Amino acid sequence: MKDGKRCLEKEREALLKIKYELIDEYGQFSSWENHKDKKDCYEWRGFLCNNLTNHIIELDPNGLYENGEKRIAIAPPRGNISIWLLEIQNLKHLDLSFNDFDYIRIPQFIGSLCKLQYLDLSHSNFSGEISRHLGNLSQLQFLGLDTDDGMLTSTNIDWLSRLHSLSYRS
């Protein structure tokens, strides 16, 4: 078994449901299968489990890295951010950057992932008002909301004052 790749059944099933709500033209999720020989997620890409608890703690569906640097996929995943993310209750790191969510709003339920310390939604074609529910992420240390098109807005940023662990990085 490879370190960090044995996941719990409930969370593995959630990953598969997340996969089926995304359009994956590039095949980033081709390793996410339900076949018996891949049931323990040994060869799955784009996530990391805690070696002691087997809970998924990091999820990066784009998951394309080269020499330690993230590279942009030719055809990034697109579609919906699945509510099945809530089944991954110990998630600390969620990187949805450089995906294509077709100008949907940032889902409110992301604010329920209370253990998140890292959330990157940059350059993923979100639009509309930034969800004030992100203010519920009290352990958040990094929040990426960069956009090239200015489609994200916020008329009230009071929710930011609840993110006491957030630090500025340039």
N, C-alpha and C. Protein backbone atom coordinates (compact mmCIF):
# COMPACT_ATOMS: atom_id res chain seq x y z
N MET A 1 0.84 -1.19 0.00
CA MET A 1 0.00 0.00 0.00
C MET A 1 0.88 1.25 0.00
N LYS A 2 0.50 2.25 -0.77
CA LYS A 2 1.23 3.51 -0.79
C LYS A 2 0.75 4.37 0.37
N ASP A 3 1.69 5.11 0.97
CA ASP A 3 1.34 5.99 2.09
C ASP A 3 0.29 7.00 1.69
N GLY A 4 -0.66 7.23 2.61
CA GLY A 4 -1.65 8.28 2.42
C GLY A 4 -2.74 7.96 1.41
N LYS A 5 -2.91 6.72 0.99
CA LYS A 5 -3.89 6.41 -0.04
C LYS A 5 -4.93 5.37 0.36
N ARG A 6 -5.03 5.04 1.60
CA ARG A 6 -6.07 4.12 2.03
C ARG A 6 -7.20 4.96 2.63
N CYS A 7 -8.33 5.02 1.95
CA CYS A 7 -9.41 5.87 2.42
C CYS A 7 -10.57 5.04 2.97
N LEU A 8 -11.38 5.69 3.77
CA LEU A 8 -12.55 5.05 4.36
C LEU A 8 -13.63 4.85 3.31
N GLU A 9 -14.40 3.79 3.44
CA GLU A 9 -15.43 3.44 2.46
C GLU A 9 -16.39 4.60 2.19
N LYS A 10 -16.88 5.23 3.24
CA LYS A 10 -17.84 6.33 3.10
C LYS A 10 -17.24 7.49 2.30
N GLU A 11 -15.98 7.78 2.55
CA GLU A 11 -15.32 8.88 1.86
C GLU A 11 -14.94 8.50 0.43
N ARG A 12 -14.59 7.24 0.23
CA ARG A 12 -14.30 6.76 -1.13
C ARG A 12 -15.55 6.86 -1.99
N GLU A 13 -16.68 6.46 -1.43
CA GLU A 13 -17.95 6.57 -2.15
C GLU A 13 -18.28 8.02 -2.45
N ALA A 14 -17.99 8.94 -1.53
CA ALA A 14 -18.22 10.36 -1.77
C ALA A 14 -17.36 10.85 -2.93
N LEU A 15 -16.10 10.41 -3.00
CA LEU A 15 -15.23 10.79 -4.10
C LEU A 15 -15.81 10.34 -5.44
N LEU A 16 -16.33 9.13 -5.48
CA LEU A 16 -16.93 8.63 -6.72
C LEU A 16 -18.16 9.45 -7.13
N LYS A 17 -18.96 9.86 -6.15
CA LYS A 17 -20.13 10.68 -6.45
C LYS A 17 -19.71 12.07 -6.92
N ILE A 18 -18.64 12.60 -6.33
CA ILE A 18 -18.09 13.89 -6.77
C ILE A 18 -17.62 13.76 -8.22
N LYS A 19 -16.93 12.68 -8.51
CA LYS A 19 -16.41 12.44 -9.86
C LYS A 19 -17.54 12.46 -10.89
N TYR A 20 -18.65 11.82 -10.59
CA TYR A 20 -19.73 11.69 -11.56
C TYR A 20 -20.50 12.98 -11.78
N GLU A 21 -20.28 14.00 -10.94
CA GLU A 21 -20.92 15.30 -11.15
C GLU A 21 -20.01 16.27 -11.90
N LEU A 22 -18.82 15.80 -12.26
CA LEU A 22 -17.88 16.64 -13.00
C LEU A 22 -17.70 16.12 -14.42
N ILE A 23 -17.41 17.02 -15.32
CA ILE A 23 -17.07 16.64 -16.69
C ILE A 23 -15.56 16.63 -16.76
N ASP A 24 -15.01 15.48 -17.11
CA ASP A 24 -13.57 15.26 -17.03
C ASP A 24 -13.02 14.88 -18.40
N GLU A 25 -12.92 15.87 -19.27
CA GLU A 25 -12.46 15.61 -20.63
C GLU A 25 -10.98 15.22 -20.70
N TYR A 26 -10.21 15.64 -19.73
CA TYR A 26 -8.77 15.37 -19.74
C TYR A 26 -8.43 14.03 -19.07
N GLY A 27 -9.36 13.48 -18.31
CA GLY A 27 -9.15 12.19 -17.68
C GLY A 27 -8.41 12.22 -16.36
N GLN A 28 -8.49 13.37 -15.65
CA GLN A 28 -7.83 13.44 -14.35
C GLN A 28 -8.38 12.41 -13.36
N PHE A 29 -9.64 12.05 -13.53
CA PHE A 29 -10.28 11.12 -12.60
C PHE A 29 -10.29 9.69 -13.11
N SER A 30 -9.53 9.41 -14.14
CA SER A 30 -9.53 8.05 -14.68
C SER A 30 -9.03 7.04 -13.66
N SER A 31 -8.27 7.51 -12.68
CA SER A 31 -7.77 6.59 -11.65
C SER A 31 -8.82 6.34 -10.56
N TRP A 32 -9.88 7.14 -10.51
CA TRP A 32 -10.93 6.98 -9.50
C TRP A 32 -11.94 5.97 -10.03
N GLU A 33 -11.83 4.76 -9.60
CA GLU A 33 -12.70 3.69 -10.08
C GLU A 33 -13.29 2.92 -8.92
N ASN A 34 -14.30 2.12 -9.21
CA ASN A 34 -14.97 1.32 -8.20
C ASN A 34 -14.64 -0.17 -8.37
N HIS A 35 -13.64 -0.47 -9.20
CA HIS A 35 -13.27 -1.86 -9.41
C HIS A 35 -12.60 -2.42 -8.16
N LYS A 36 -12.71 -3.71 -7.96
CA LYS A 36 -12.17 -4.35 -6.77
C LYS A 36 -10.68 -4.06 -6.56
N ASP A 37 -9.89 -4.07 -7.64
CA ASP A 37 -8.46 -3.86 -7.50
C ASP A 37 -8.09 -2.40 -7.20
N LYS A 38 -9.05 -1.48 -7.31
CA LYS A 38 -8.78 -0.07 -7.00
C LYS A 38 -9.61 0.41 -5.82
N LYS A 39 -10.19 -0.50 -5.09
CA LYS A 39 -11.12 -0.15 -4.03
C LYS A 39 -10.48 0.62 -2.88
N ASP A 40 -9.19 0.40 -2.61
CA ASP A 40 -8.53 1.10 -1.52
C ASP A 40 -7.84 2.39 -1.95
N CYS A 41 -8.12 2.85 -3.13
CA CYS A 41 -7.66 4.15 -3.61
C CYS A 41 -6.14 4.23 -3.77
N TYR A 42 -5.44 3.12 -3.85
CA TYR A 42 -3.98 3.13 -3.92
C TYR A 42 -3.45 3.99 -5.06
N GLU A 43 -4.07 3.90 -6.20
CA GLU A 43 -3.56 4.59 -7.38
C GLU A 43 -4.34 5.86 -7.74
N TRP A 44 -5.26 6.24 -6.89
CA TRP A 44 -6.07 7.42 -7.19
C TRP A 44 -5.24 8.68 -7.03
N ARG A 45 -5.45 9.66 -7.91
CA ARG A 45 -4.74 10.94 -7.85
C ARG A 45 -5.67 12.03 -7.35
N GLY A 46 -5.08 13.09 -6.78
CA GLY A 46 -5.85 14.28 -6.46
C GLY A 46 -6.34 14.38 -5.03
N PHE A 47 -5.92 13.49 -4.16
CA PHE A 47 -6.31 13.60 -2.76
C PHE A 47 -5.27 12.92 -1.89
N LEU A 48 -5.35 13.21 -0.60
CA LEU A 48 -4.42 12.64 0.38
C LEU A 48 -5.20 12.24 1.62
N CYS A 49 -4.86 11.10 2.19
CA CYS A 49 -5.49 10.63 3.42
C CYS A 49 -4.51 10.75 4.58
N ASN A 50 -5.05 10.87 5.78
CA ASN A 50 -4.26 10.81 6.99
C ASN A 50 -3.80 9.37 7.18
N ASN A 51 -2.52 9.15 7.36
CA ASN A 51 -1.97 7.79 7.48
C ASN A 51 -2.47 7.05 8.72
N LEU A 52 -2.89 7.76 9.75
CA LEU A 52 -3.35 7.11 10.98
C LEU A 52 -4.86 6.84 10.97
N THR A 53 -5.64 7.81 10.51
CA THR A 53 -7.10 7.67 10.58
C THR A 53 -7.73 7.22 9.27
N ASN A 54 -7.00 7.34 8.16
CA ASN A 54 -7.48 7.05 6.81
C ASN A 54 -8.56 8.02 6.32
N HIS A 55 -8.80 9.11 7.06
CA HIS A 55 -9.72 10.14 6.59
C HIS A 55 -9.04 10.95 5.49
N ILE A 56 -9.81 11.34 4.49
CA ILE A 56 -9.30 12.23 3.46
C ILE A 56 -9.12 13.60 4.09
N ILE A 57 -7.90 14.16 3.95
CA ILE A 57 -7.62 15.47 4.53
C ILE A 57 -7.29 16.52 3.47
N GLU A 58 -7.01 16.07 2.25
CA GLU A 58 -6.66 17.00 1.19
C GLU A 58 -7.31 16.55 -0.11
N LEU A 59 -7.91 17.51 -0.80
CA LEU A 59 -8.56 17.21 -2.07
C LEU A 59 -8.21 18.29 -3.09
N ASP A 60 -7.65 17.84 -4.19
CA ASP A 60 -7.29 18.73 -5.31
C ASP A 60 -7.66 17.98 -6.58
N PRO A 61 -8.93 18.12 -7.02
CA PRO A 61 -9.38 17.35 -8.17
C PRO A 61 -8.56 17.59 -9.43
N ASN A 62 -8.01 18.78 -9.57
CA ASN A 62 -7.15 19.05 -10.72
C ASN A 62 -5.89 18.21 -10.57
N GLY A 63 -5.30 18.22 -9.39
CA GLY A 63 -4.22 17.32 -9.01
C GLY A 63 -3.09 17.13 -9.98
N LEU A 64 -2.80 18.09 -10.80
CA LEU A 64 -1.73 17.95 -11.78
C LEU A 64 -0.51 18.74 -11.30
N TYR A 65 0.53 18.05 -10.98
CA TYR A 65 1.74 18.70 -10.50
C TYR A 65 2.93 18.25 -11.32
N GLU A 66 3.85 19.15 -11.51
CA GLU A 66 5.08 18.84 -12.23
C GLU A 66 6.21 19.56 -11.52
N ASN A 67 7.21 18.80 -11.04
CA ASN A 67 8.33 19.38 -10.29
C ASN A 67 7.85 20.21 -9.10
N GLY A 68 6.81 19.74 -8.42
CA GLY A 68 6.30 20.42 -7.24
C GLY A 68 5.43 21.63 -7.53
N GLU A 69 5.27 22.01 -8.79
CA GLU A 69 4.46 23.17 -9.17
C GLU A 69 3.17 22.70 -9.83
N LYS A 70 2.07 23.37 -9.48
CA LYS A 70 0.80 23.02 -10.11
C LYS A 70 0.80 23.53 -11.54
N ARG A 71 0.35 22.69 -12.45
CA ARG A 71 0.23 23.12 -13.83
C ARG A 71 -1.25 23.06 -14.21
N ILE A 72 -1.62 23.84 -15.16
CA ILE A 72 -3.02 23.93 -15.57
C ILE A 72 -3.31 22.83 -16.59
N ALA A 73 -4.39 22.13 -16.38
CA ALA A 73 -4.78 21.05 -17.29
C ALA A 73 -5.21 21.62 -18.63
N ILE A 74 -5.04 20.84 -19.67
CA ILE A 74 -5.48 21.23 -21.01
C ILE A 74 -6.99 21.45 -21.00
N ALA A 75 -7.71 20.56 -20.39
CA ALA A 75 -9.16 20.69 -20.26
C ALA A 75 -9.51 20.41 -18.80
N PRO A 76 -9.52 21.46 -17.96
CA PRO A 76 -9.77 21.24 -16.54
C PRO A 76 -11.16 20.68 -16.28
N PRO A 77 -11.33 20.00 -15.15
CA PRO A 77 -12.67 19.52 -14.80
C PRO A 77 -13.65 20.68 -14.75
N ARG A 78 -14.88 20.40 -15.13
CA ARG A 78 -15.92 21.42 -15.07
C ARG A 78 -17.21 20.76 -14.64
N GLY A 79 -18.18 21.58 -14.32
CA GLY A 79 -19.47 21.05 -13.88
C GLY A 79 -19.86 21.58 -12.53
N ASN A 80 -20.32 20.71 -11.66
CA ASN A 80 -20.83 21.10 -10.35
C ASN A 80 -19.87 20.74 -9.23
N ILE A 81 -19.88 21.57 -8.20
CA ILE A 81 -19.20 21.19 -6.96
C ILE A 81 -20.24 20.42 -6.16
N SER A 82 -19.97 19.20 -5.92
CA SER A 82 -20.95 18.30 -5.33
C SER A 82 -21.12 18.49 -3.82
N ILE A 83 -22.36 18.43 -3.39
CA ILE A 83 -22.66 18.48 -1.96
C ILE A 83 -22.08 17.26 -1.23
N TRP A 84 -21.66 16.25 -2.02
CA TRP A 84 -21.03 15.07 -1.42
C TRP A 84 -19.71 15.41 -0.74
N LEU A 85 -19.18 16.60 -0.99
CA LEU A 85 -17.99 17.05 -0.26
C LEU A 85 -18.21 17.03 1.25
N LEU A 86 -19.46 17.25 1.66
CA LEU A 86 -19.77 17.28 3.09
C LEU A 86 -19.54 15.93 3.77
N GLU A 87 -19.48 14.85 2.99
CA GLU A 87 -19.19 13.53 3.55
C GLU A 87 -17.72 13.40 3.95
N ILE A 88 -16.89 14.31 3.46
CA ILE A 88 -15.46 14.28 3.78
C ILE A 88 -15.24 15.29 4.89
N GLN A 89 -15.63 14.91 6.11
CA GLN A 89 -15.72 15.82 7.24
C GLN A 89 -14.38 16.26 7.82
N ASN A 90 -13.31 15.55 7.52
CA ASN A 90 -12.00 15.91 8.07
C ASN A 90 -11.13 16.64 7.06
N LEU A 91 -11.73 17.14 6.02
CA LEU A 91 -11.01 17.82 4.95
C LEU A 91 -10.38 19.11 5.49
N LYS A 92 -9.07 19.22 5.31
CA LYS A 92 -8.34 20.41 5.76
C LYS A 92 -7.87 21.27 4.60
N HIS A 93 -7.72 20.67 3.44
CA HIS A 93 -7.14 21.35 2.28
C HIS A 93 -8.02 21.06 1.06
N LEU A 94 -8.63 22.11 0.51
CA LEU A 94 -9.47 21.95 -0.67
C LEU A 94 -8.99 22.93 -1.73
N ASP A 95 -8.49 22.39 -2.82
CA ASP A 95 -7.98 23.23 -3.91
C ASP A 95 -8.81 22.97 -5.16
N LEU A 96 -9.67 23.93 -5.47
CA LEU A 96 -10.51 23.85 -6.67
C LEU A 96 -10.04 24.85 -7.72
N SER A 97 -8.82 25.33 -7.57
CA SER A 97 -8.30 26.33 -8.49
C SER A 97 -8.11 25.76 -9.89
N PHE A 98 -8.25 26.63 -10.87
CA PHE A 98 -8.03 26.31 -12.27
C PHE A 98 -8.94 25.20 -12.79
N ASN A 99 -10.15 25.14 -12.24
CA ASN A 99 -11.20 24.29 -12.78
C ASN A 99 -12.19 25.21 -13.48
N ASP A 100 -13.21 24.68 -14.07
CA ASP A 100 -14.18 25.50 -14.78
C ASP A 100 -15.58 25.20 -14.27
N PHE A 101 -16.08 26.08 -13.39
CA PHE A 101 -17.40 25.87 -12.82
C PHE A 101 -18.47 26.73 -13.48
N ASP A 102 -18.19 27.17 -14.71
CA ASP A 102 -19.18 27.77 -15.60
C ASP A 102 -19.97 28.91 -14.94
N TYR A 103 -19.30 29.74 -14.19
CA TYR A 103 -19.84 30.97 -13.61
C TYR A 103 -20.99 30.74 -12.64
N ILE A 104 -20.94 29.61 -11.93
CA ILE A 104 -21.91 29.39 -10.85
C ILE A 104 -21.44 30.19 -9.62
N ARG A 105 -22.32 30.34 -8.66
CA ARG A 105 -21.95 30.96 -7.40
C ARG A 105 -21.15 29.95 -6.56
N ILE A 106 -20.33 30.47 -5.67
CA ILE A 106 -19.63 29.61 -4.73
C ILE A 106 -20.70 28.99 -3.83
N PRO A 107 -20.78 27.66 -3.79
CA PRO A 107 -21.83 27.02 -2.99
C PRO A 107 -21.73 27.36 -1.50
N GLN A 108 -22.87 27.65 -0.89
CA GLN A 108 -22.91 27.97 0.53
C GLN A 108 -22.40 26.83 1.39
N PHE A 109 -22.62 25.59 0.96
CA PHE A 109 -22.26 24.44 1.80
C PHE A 109 -20.75 24.35 2.04
N ILE A 110 -19.94 25.01 1.23
CA ILE A 110 -18.49 24.98 1.48
C ILE A 110 -18.20 25.57 2.86
N GLY A 111 -19.03 26.50 3.31
CA GLY A 111 -18.89 27.08 4.64
C GLY A 111 -19.15 26.09 5.76
N SER A 112 -19.61 24.89 5.44
CA SER A 112 -19.85 23.85 6.44
C SER A 112 -18.66 22.89 6.60
N LEU A 113 -17.64 23.07 5.77
CA LEU A 113 -16.44 22.23 5.88
C LEU A 113 -15.54 22.82 6.96
N CYS A 114 -15.98 22.67 8.21
CA CYS A 114 -15.45 23.44 9.33
C CYS A 114 -13.98 23.17 9.67
N LYS A 115 -13.38 22.12 9.16
CA LYS A 115 -11.97 21.83 9.46
C LYS A 115 -11.01 22.39 8.41
N LEU A 116 -11.57 23.03 7.38
CA LEU A 116 -10.72 23.57 6.32
C LEU A 116 -9.72 24.58 6.86
N GLN A 117 -8.47 24.41 6.46
CA GLN A 117 -7.42 25.37 6.76
C GLN A 117 -6.95 26.05 5.48
N TYR A 118 -7.21 25.43 4.34
CA TYR A 118 -6.76 25.93 3.05
C TYR A 118 -7.90 25.77 2.06
N LEU A 119 -8.28 26.87 1.42
CA LEU A 119 -9.34 26.84 0.42
C LEU A 119 -8.92 27.72 -0.75
N ASP A 120 -8.74 27.12 -1.92
CA ASP A 120 -8.35 27.87 -3.10
C ASP A 120 -9.41 27.68 -4.18
N LEU A 121 -10.09 28.76 -4.49
CA LEU A 121 -11.14 28.78 -5.51
C LEU A 121 -10.71 29.65 -6.70
N SER A 122 -9.44 29.97 -6.77
CA SER A 122 -8.92 30.90 -7.77
C SER A 122 -9.07 30.39 -9.20
N HIS A 123 -9.36 31.32 -10.09
CA HIS A 123 -9.37 31.06 -11.54
C HIS A 123 -10.23 29.84 -11.90
N SER A 124 -11.39 29.74 -11.27
CA SER A 124 -12.27 28.60 -11.52
C SER A 124 -13.63 28.99 -12.06
N ASN A 125 -13.72 30.20 -12.57
CA ASN A 125 -14.95 30.69 -13.19
C ASN A 125 -16.16 30.65 -12.26
N PHE A 126 -15.98 31.19 -11.07
CA PHE A 126 -17.12 31.45 -10.18
C PHE A 126 -17.60 32.85 -10.46
N SER A 127 -18.85 33.12 -10.14
CA SER A 127 -19.37 34.48 -10.32
C SER A 127 -20.36 34.79 -9.20
N GLY A 128 -20.76 36.04 -9.16
CA GLY A 128 -21.76 36.46 -8.19
C GLY A 128 -21.16 36.82 -6.84
N GLU A 129 -22.05 36.99 -5.89
CA GLU A 129 -21.69 37.38 -4.54
C GLU A 129 -20.93 36.23 -3.85
N ILE A 130 -19.81 36.57 -3.23
CA ILE A 130 -19.04 35.59 -2.47
C ILE A 130 -19.86 35.21 -1.24
N SER A 131 -20.02 33.93 -1.03
CA SER A 131 -20.86 33.43 0.06
C SER A 131 -20.32 33.87 1.42
N ARG A 132 -21.18 34.52 2.20
CA ARG A 132 -20.80 34.93 3.56
C ARG A 132 -20.58 33.71 4.45
N HIS A 133 -21.06 32.55 4.01
CA HIS A 133 -20.89 31.32 4.77
C HIS A 133 -19.42 30.90 4.87
N LEU A 134 -18.58 31.45 4.00
CA LEU A 134 -17.14 31.17 4.13
C LEU A 134 -16.62 31.69 5.46
N GLY A 135 -17.32 32.63 6.06
CA GLY A 135 -16.95 33.14 7.39
C GLY A 135 -17.07 32.11 8.49
N ASN A 136 -17.73 30.98 8.21
CA ASN A 136 -17.85 29.90 9.19
C ASN A 136 -16.57 29.06 9.28
N LEU A 137 -15.65 29.27 8.36
CA LEU A 137 -14.42 28.46 8.30
C LEU A 137 -13.37 29.04 9.24
N SER A 138 -13.61 28.91 10.54
CA SER A 138 -12.81 29.58 11.55
C SER A 138 -11.35 29.11 11.60
N GLN A 139 -11.04 27.95 11.04
CA GLN A 139 -9.66 27.46 11.05
C GLN A 139 -8.90 27.82 9.77
N LEU A 140 -9.57 28.52 8.86
CA LEU A 140 -8.99 28.84 7.57
C LEU A 140 -7.75 29.73 7.72
N GLN A 141 -6.66 29.28 7.10
CA GLN A 141 -5.41 30.05 7.11
C GLN A 141 -5.12 30.65 5.74
N PHE A 142 -5.67 30.05 4.68
CA PHE A 142 -5.47 30.54 3.32
C PHE A 142 -6.80 30.51 2.58
N LEU A 143 -7.10 31.61 1.89
CA LEU A 143 -8.30 31.68 1.05
C LEU A 143 -7.91 32.32 -0.27
N GLY A 144 -8.02 31.56 -1.35
CA GLY A 144 -7.72 32.07 -2.68
C GLY A 144 -8.99 32.32 -3.46
N LEU A 145 -9.19 33.57 -3.86
CA LEU A 145 -10.37 33.95 -4.63
C LEU A 145 -9.98 34.72 -5.89
N ASP A 146 -8.73 34.62 -6.32
CA ASP A 146 -8.26 35.36 -7.49
C ASP A 146 -9.10 35.02 -8.71
N THR A 147 -9.34 36.04 -9.51
CA THR A 147 -10.10 35.86 -10.74
C THR A 147 -9.55 36.81 -11.80
N ASP A 148 -9.59 36.39 -13.03
CA ASP A 148 -9.11 37.23 -14.12
C ASP A 148 -10.21 38.12 -14.68
N ASP A 149 -11.46 37.77 -14.40
CA ASP A 149 -12.56 38.45 -15.07
C ASP A 149 -13.42 39.32 -14.15
N GLY A 150 -13.13 39.35 -12.86
CA GLY A 150 -13.88 40.21 -11.95
C GLY A 150 -15.32 39.80 -11.75
N MET A 151 -15.64 38.54 -11.96
CA MET A 151 -17.03 38.08 -11.85
C MET A 151 -17.47 37.84 -10.40
N LEU A 152 -16.52 37.75 -9.46
CA LEU A 152 -16.86 37.61 -8.05
C LEU A 152 -17.03 38.98 -7.43
N THR A 153 -18.07 39.13 -6.63
CA THR A 153 -18.33 40.40 -5.98
C THR A 153 -18.60 40.18 -4.50
N SER A 154 -18.52 41.27 -3.75
CA SER A 154 -18.89 41.22 -2.35
C SER A 154 -19.32 42.61 -1.92
N THR A 155 -20.55 42.75 -1.50
CA THR A 155 -21.05 44.03 -1.03
C THR A 155 -20.86 44.18 0.47
N ASN A 156 -20.60 43.07 1.16
CA ASN A 156 -20.40 43.10 2.60
C ASN A 156 -19.33 42.07 2.95
N ILE A 157 -18.21 42.53 3.45
CA ILE A 157 -17.11 41.60 3.78
C ILE A 157 -16.96 41.40 5.29
N ASP A 158 -18.01 41.65 6.05
CA ASP A 158 -17.97 41.44 7.50
C ASP A 158 -17.61 40.00 7.86
N TRP A 159 -17.98 39.05 7.00
CA TRP A 159 -17.69 37.63 7.26
C TRP A 159 -16.19 37.38 7.37
N LEU A 160 -15.38 38.21 6.72
CA LEU A 160 -13.93 38.05 6.80
C LEU A 160 -13.40 38.24 8.21
N SER A 161 -14.08 39.05 9.01
CA SER A 161 -13.61 39.33 10.38
C SER A 161 -13.69 38.10 11.28
N ARG A 162 -14.44 37.08 10.86
CA ARG A 162 -14.54 35.84 11.65
C ARG A 162 -13.41 34.85 11.33
N LEU A 163 -12.59 35.17 10.34
CA LEU A 163 -11.50 34.28 9.93
C LEU A 163 -10.21 34.72 10.62
N HIS A 164 -10.12 34.43 11.92
CA HIS A 164 -9.02 34.90 12.75
C HIS A 164 -7.67 34.27 12.38
N SER A 165 -7.66 33.11 11.79
CA SER A 165 -6.40 32.42 11.46
C SER A 165 -5.90 32.77 10.08
N LEU A 166 -6.69 33.51 9.31
CA LEU A 166 -6.31 33.85 7.94
C LEU A 166 -5.09 34.75 7.94
N SER A 167 -4.13 34.43 7.07
CA SER A 167 -2.94 35.26 6.96
C SER A 167 -2.78 35.73 5.52
N TYR A 168 -2.19 36.87 5.34
CA TYR A 168 -2.00 37.45 4.03
C TYR A 168 -0.74 36.92 3.40
N ARG A 169 -0.83 36.49 2.15
CA ARG A 169 0.34 36.08 1.38
C ARG A 169 0.24 36.75 0.03
N SER A 170 1.35 37.24 -0.45
CA SER A 170 1.32 37.86 -1.78
C SER A 170 1.92 36.94 -2.82
